[in-house]
Amino acid sequence: MRNTERYKVEGANSLWHVYKTVPFVKVIKNFIVIQLARYTPFLTVKNWLYKNFLRMNVGDETAFALMVMLDIMFPERISVGRNTVIGYNTTILAHEYLIKEYRLGDVIIGNEVMIGANSTVLPGVTIGDGAIVSAGTIVHKDVPAGAFVAGNPMRIVYTAEQMQERIKQDDFFNNSNQQV
């Protein structure tokens, strides 16, 4: 199970109770900041907006691609490490509003993580340092450091040890004549 806090609601579904759980003004401010960041091509500006207006922890040289959608209600519960890439149109959620409850959970994304385009990261998930998440993956549980994961449901394709072996066998990474 993901690491989330659960809160019961009575009567209508939990989304009808949304402004009892998060202030309306906060949601409007977060929406504006996230929409500005989604369309800006300047990575340093995006990171500045996220750190200063959304109170997110974002590591140096982290790159959020175009159209990344962060949690509008609780973006401060998202932490992204150094030199990480979040792919195009990825969604990162720190909340879930369900019928009879809502859930909140921190999302912790490590250093040098690669998350492919159109992925969704659910609340309460930790993605370990050096992990790779394939495009289109639904990250519904923790990802071990260095692992390569893919799919819906997400599964481990290669462990950290298997990934290291694949890199050792790859001529591209072992040829010192490659240009950068």
Protein backbone atom coordinates (compact mmCIF):
# COMPACT_ATOMS: atom_id res chain seq x y z
CA MET A 1 0.00 0.00 0.00
CA ARG A 2 1.18 3.54 -0.70
CA ASN A 3 2.12 5.75 2.23
CA THR A 4 -0.99 7.95 2.47
CA GLU A 5 -3.06 9.53 5.22
CA ARG A 6 -6.77 8.67 4.95
CA TYR A 7 -9.66 10.96 5.93
CA LYS A 8 -13.34 9.92 6.03
CA VAL A 9 -16.11 12.12 4.64
CA GLU A 10 -19.86 11.99 5.31
CA GLY A 11 -22.61 12.62 2.78
CA ALA A 12 -21.50 13.69 -0.69
CA ASN A 13 -18.26 12.39 -2.23
CA SER A 14 -15.00 13.86 -0.98
CA LEU A 15 -14.55 16.24 -3.91
CA TRP A 16 -17.68 18.09 -2.77
CA HIS A 17 -15.77 18.73 0.48
CA VAL A 18 -12.64 19.99 -1.29
CA TYR A 19 -12.63 23.52 0.15
CA LYS A 20 -12.91 22.13 3.65
CA THR A 21 -9.59 20.35 3.00
CA VAL A 22 -7.69 23.08 1.13
CA PRO A 23 -8.31 26.85 0.93
CA PHE A 24 -9.91 28.11 -2.29
CA VAL A 25 -7.36 30.95 -2.64
CA LYS A 26 -4.49 28.46 -2.40
CA VAL A 27 -6.00 26.35 -5.19
CA ILE A 28 -6.43 29.39 -7.47
CA LYS A 29 -2.84 30.57 -6.81
CA ASN A 30 -1.44 27.08 -7.40
CA PHE A 31 -3.48 26.69 -10.59
CA ILE A 32 -2.13 29.94 -12.04
CA VAL A 33 1.49 29.13 -11.12
CA ILE A 34 1.28 25.57 -12.46
CA GLN A 35 -0.33 26.70 -15.73
CA LEU A 36 2.39 29.35 -16.24
CA ALA A 37 5.09 26.76 -15.56
CA ARG A 38 3.51 24.14 -17.84
CA TYR A 39 3.94 26.40 -20.86
CA THR A 40 7.23 28.14 -20.14
CA PRO A 41 10.24 26.76 -22.02
CA PHE A 42 12.69 28.07 -19.40
CA LEU A 43 13.67 25.34 -16.94
CA THR A 44 15.18 27.72 -14.39
CA VAL A 45 11.97 29.78 -14.37
CA LYS A 46 9.84 26.66 -13.79
CA ASN A 47 12.00 25.55 -10.88
CA TRP A 48 11.95 29.07 -9.40
CA LEU A 49 8.14 29.18 -9.62
CA TYR A 50 7.82 25.74 -8.02
CA LYS A 51 10.21 26.56 -5.17
CA ASN A 52 9.00 30.08 -4.42
CA PHE A 53 5.26 29.92 -5.03
CA LEU A 54 4.39 26.25 -4.48
CA ARG A 55 6.93 25.57 -1.68
CA MET A 56 8.19 22.45 -3.46
CA ASN A 57 11.63 21.00 -2.83
CA VAL A 58 13.28 20.90 -6.28
CA GLY A 59 16.93 19.92 -6.72
CA ASP A 60 19.49 21.72 -8.86
CA GLU A 61 19.48 21.00 -12.59
CA THR A 62 16.16 19.19 -12.44
CA ALA A 63 14.16 19.49 -15.66
CA PHE A 64 10.37 19.53 -15.84
CA ALA A 65 9.37 19.11 -19.48
CA LEU A 66 6.58 21.01 -21.19
CA MET A 67 3.05 20.31 -19.90
CA VAL A 68 4.01 18.55 -16.65
CA MET A 69 0.96 18.71 -14.36
CA LEU A 70 1.66 18.97 -10.64
CA ASP A 71 -0.84 18.46 -7.86
CA ILE A 72 -2.91 21.65 -7.63
CA MET A 73 -4.13 21.06 -4.08
CA PHE A 74 -0.93 20.02 -2.28
CA PRO A 75 2.18 20.65 -4.44
CA GLU A 76 4.26 21.30 -1.32
CA ARG A 77 4.06 17.55 -0.67
CA ILE A 78 6.12 16.84 -3.82
CA SER A 79 9.90 16.65 -3.56
CA VAL A 80 12.17 16.14 -6.57
CA GLY A 81 15.91 15.52 -6.29
CA ARG A 82 18.89 16.85 -8.21
CA ASN A 83 19.45 16.34 -11.96
CA THR A 84 16.11 14.59 -12.50
CA VAL A 85 14.01 14.66 -15.68
CA ILE A 86 10.22 14.70 -15.52
CA GLY A 87 8.89 13.90 -19.01
CA TYR A 88 6.32 15.66 -21.16
CA ASN A 89 2.74 15.67 -19.88
CA THR A 90 3.55 13.70 -16.73
CA THR A 91 1.12 14.09 -13.81
CA ILE A 92 2.33 14.03 -10.19
CA LEU A 93 -0.41 13.78 -7.55
CA ALA A 94 -0.20 14.17 -3.78
CA HIS A 95 -3.96 13.74 -3.22
CA GLU A 96 -6.83 11.43 -4.14
CA TYR A 97 -10.46 12.41 -3.69
CA LEU A 98 -12.62 9.28 -3.57
CA ILE A 99 -16.28 8.63 -2.74
CA LYS A 100 -16.14 8.12 1.04
CA GLU A 101 -12.64 9.37 1.78
CA TYR A 102 -9.74 11.43 0.56
CA ARG A 103 -6.06 10.56 0.82
CA LEU A 104 -2.92 12.67 1.03
CA GLY A 105 0.62 11.40 0.58
CA ASP A 106 4.09 12.80 0.03
CA VAL A 107 5.71 12.09 -3.32
CA ILE A 108 9.49 11.75 -3.09
CA ILE A 109 11.43 11.55 -6.34
CA GLY A 110 15.16 10.96 -5.91
CA ASN A 111 18.29 12.25 -7.60
CA GLU A 112 19.01 11.48 -11.27
CA VAL A 113 15.60 9.91 -11.86
CA MET A 114 14.12 9.73 -15.36
CA ILE A 115 10.32 9.73 -15.65
CA GLY A 116 9.10 9.20 -19.21
CA ALA A 117 6.36 11.17 -20.95
CA ASN A 118 2.70 10.71 -20.08
CA SER A 119 3.38 8.93 -16.80
CA THR A 120 1.28 9.36 -13.67
CA VAL A 121 2.79 9.31 -10.18
CA LEU A 122 0.23 8.64 -7.43
CA PRO A 123 0.33 10.00 -3.86
CA GLY A 124 2.48 8.36 -1.20
CA VAL A 125 5.10 7.02 -3.62
CA THR A 126 8.89 7.17 -3.37
CA ILE A 127 11.01 6.81 -6.51
CA GLY A 128 14.59 5.96 -5.57
CA ASP A 129 17.79 7.59 -6.84
CA GLY A 130 18.75 6.66 -10.40
CA ALA A 131 15.45 4.95 -11.20
CA ILE A 132 13.95 5.03 -14.69
CA VAL A 133 10.18 5.12 -15.22
CA SER A 134 9.14 4.22 -18.76
CA ALA A 135 6.76 6.48 -20.68
CA GLY A 136 3.09 5.94 -19.92
CA THR A 137 3.68 4.20 -16.59
CA ILE A 138 1.26 4.48 -13.66
CA VAL A 139 3.53 4.65 -10.59
CA HIS A 140 1.28 3.15 -7.93
CA LYS A 141 3.96 1.88 -5.53
CA ASP A 142 7.54 2.65 -4.54
CA VAL A 143 10.28 2.27 -7.15
CA PRO A 144 13.62 0.92 -5.88
CA ALA A 145 16.77 2.97 -6.50
CA GLY A 146 18.33 2.21 -9.88
CA ALA A 147 15.44 0.09 -11.15
CA PHE A 148 13.77 0.37 -14.55
CA VAL A 149 9.97 0.15 -14.28
CA ALA A 150 7.17 0.20 -16.84
CA GLY A 151 3.52 -0.44 -17.45
CA ASN A 152 0.07 -0.37 -15.98
CA PRO A 153 0.18 -2.00 -13.57
CA MET A 154 3.76 -0.92 -13.03
CA ARG A 155 6.30 -3.70 -12.77
CA ILE A 156 10.07 -3.89 -12.43
CA VAL A 157 11.61 -4.62 -15.83
CA TYR A 158 15.24 -4.46 -14.66
CA THR A 159 16.66 -4.28 -11.14
CA ALA A 160 19.49 -1.87 -10.35
CA GLU A 161 22.01 -4.69 -10.76
CA GLN A 162 20.58 -5.69 -14.15
CA MET A 163 20.66 -2.05 -15.29
CA GLN A 164 24.34 -1.76 -14.30
CA GLU A 165 25.13 -4.88 -16.30
CA ARG A 166 23.29 -3.50 -19.35
CA ILE A 167 25.24 -0.23 -19.12
CA LYS A 168 28.55 -2.14 -18.92
CA GLN A 169 27.64 -3.97 -22.13
CA ASP A 170 26.56 -0.82 -24.00
CA ASP A 171 29.29 0.41 -26.38
CA PHE A 172 27.88 3.94 -26.29
CA PHE A 173 28.73 4.35 -22.60
CA ASN A 174 32.06 2.53 -22.87
CA ASN A 175 33.44 4.39 -25.89
CA SER A 176 35.43 7.43 -24.78
CA ASN A 177 35.20 8.99 -28.27
CA GLN A 178 31.50 9.87 -27.92
CA GLN A 179 30.60 13.54 -28.29
CA VAL A 180 28.38 15.38 -25.86
